[in-house]
Protein backbone atom coordinates (compact mmCIF):
# COMPACT_ATOMS: atom_id res chain seq x y z
CA MET A 1 6.20 3.43 -14.20
CA ASN A 2 3.74 5.80 -12.52
CA GLU A 3 3.73 6.89 -8.87
CA ILE A 4 1.30 4.18 -7.75
CA GLN A 5 3.37 1.46 -9.42
CA THR A 6 6.57 2.82 -7.88
CA LYS A 7 5.07 2.78 -4.36
CA ILE A 8 3.82 -0.78 -4.84
CA LYS A 9 7.16 -1.96 -6.22
CA ASN A 10 9.04 -0.34 -3.32
CA PHE A 11 6.77 -2.11 -0.83
CA LEU A 12 7.09 -5.46 -2.59
CA SER A 13 10.87 -5.18 -2.82
CA LYS A 14 11.00 -5.68 0.97
CA PHE A 15 9.67 -9.20 0.42
CA PHE A 16 11.33 -10.14 -2.86
CA GLY A 17 14.90 -9.15 -2.05
CA ASN A 18 17.11 -8.83 -5.11
CA HIS A 19 14.42 -9.98 -7.55
CA ASN A 20 13.62 -7.17 -10.00
CA LEU A 21 9.84 -7.53 -10.02
CA GLN A 22 8.25 -6.46 -13.30
CA PRO A 23 4.85 -4.68 -13.48
CA ASP A 24 3.15 -7.66 -15.15
CA GLU A 25 4.93 -10.43 -13.22
CA ASP A 26 2.70 -12.76 -11.18
CA ILE A 27 3.86 -12.35 -7.57
CA PHE A 28 1.94 -15.42 -6.41
CA ALA A 29 3.59 -17.64 -9.03
CA LEU A 30 7.02 -16.68 -7.66
CA GLY A 31 6.30 -18.69 -4.52
CA PHE A 32 7.51 -16.05 -2.05
CA VAL A 33 4.09 -15.25 -0.63
CA ASN A 34 1.94 -16.62 2.17
CA SER A 35 -1.23 -15.58 3.99
CA MET A 36 0.66 -13.16 6.24
CA PHE A 37 2.13 -11.45 3.17
CA ALA A 38 -1.34 -11.18 1.63
CA MET A 39 -2.66 -9.48 4.77
CA GLN A 40 0.30 -7.08 4.82
CA LEU A 41 -0.27 -6.25 1.16
CA VAL A 42 -3.94 -5.42 1.73
CA LEU A 43 -3.07 -3.30 4.77
CA PHE A 44 -0.36 -1.47 2.83
CA VAL A 45 -2.76 -0.67 -0.02
CA GLU A 46 -5.45 0.60 2.36
CA GLN A 47 -3.09 2.77 4.39
CA GLU A 48 -0.85 4.08 1.61
CA PHE A 49 -3.66 4.98 -0.78
CA LYS A 50 -6.37 5.79 1.78
CA ILE A 51 -8.89 3.34 0.35
CA ALA A 52 -10.99 0.54 1.80
CA ILE A 53 -10.55 -2.91 0.32
CA GLU A 54 -13.99 -4.52 0.37
CA ASN A 55 -14.73 -8.25 0.40
CA GLU A 56 -15.56 -8.16 -3.31
CA ASP A 57 -12.09 -6.70 -3.99
CA LEU A 58 -10.33 -9.65 -2.32
CA GLU A 59 -9.70 -11.67 -5.46
CA PHE A 60 -6.27 -12.93 -6.52
CA GLU A 61 -6.64 -11.20 -9.88
CA ASN A 62 -6.65 -7.81 -8.14
CA PHE A 63 -3.39 -8.54 -6.31
CA ARG A 64 -1.51 -10.79 -8.74
CA THR A 65 0.72 -8.15 -10.37
CA ILE A 66 1.85 -4.57 -9.86
CA ASN A 67 -0.35 -3.63 -12.82
CA SER A 68 -3.45 -5.35 -11.39
CA LEU A 69 -2.90 -3.66 -8.02
CA THR A 70 -2.52 -0.33 -9.78
CA ASN A 71 -5.79 -0.89 -11.64
CA LEU A 72 -7.57 -1.74 -8.38
CA ILE A 73 -6.22 1.37 -6.65
CA GLU A 74 -7.10 3.61 -9.60
CA ARG A 75 -10.66 2.21 -9.66
CA LYS A 76 -11.06 2.68 -5.91
CA THR A 77 -9.63 6.21 -5.86
CA ALA A 78 -11.78 7.21 -8.85
CA ILE A 79 -14.84 6.40 -6.74
CA PHE A 80 -13.75 9.00 -4.16
CA VAL A 81 -13.22 11.66 -6.82
CA GLN A 82 -16.72 11.31 -8.30
């Protein structure tokens, strides 16, 4: 697990209690999430990784798993590097 994945997993563990969330596990399918959680997740990603989540980024597929979040963050941070 890389640093981005570890940060995401640590954040998510606050909401999922004792559940050992796997990098490819669908967090929405677990049934623990609601609209407030989704807003907190977006805010966490923006603040922790210093990126802006645009309207076109707000798709479930980008936020469904630790891996999909990691891919989104890596894409967004790569834009800043170029």
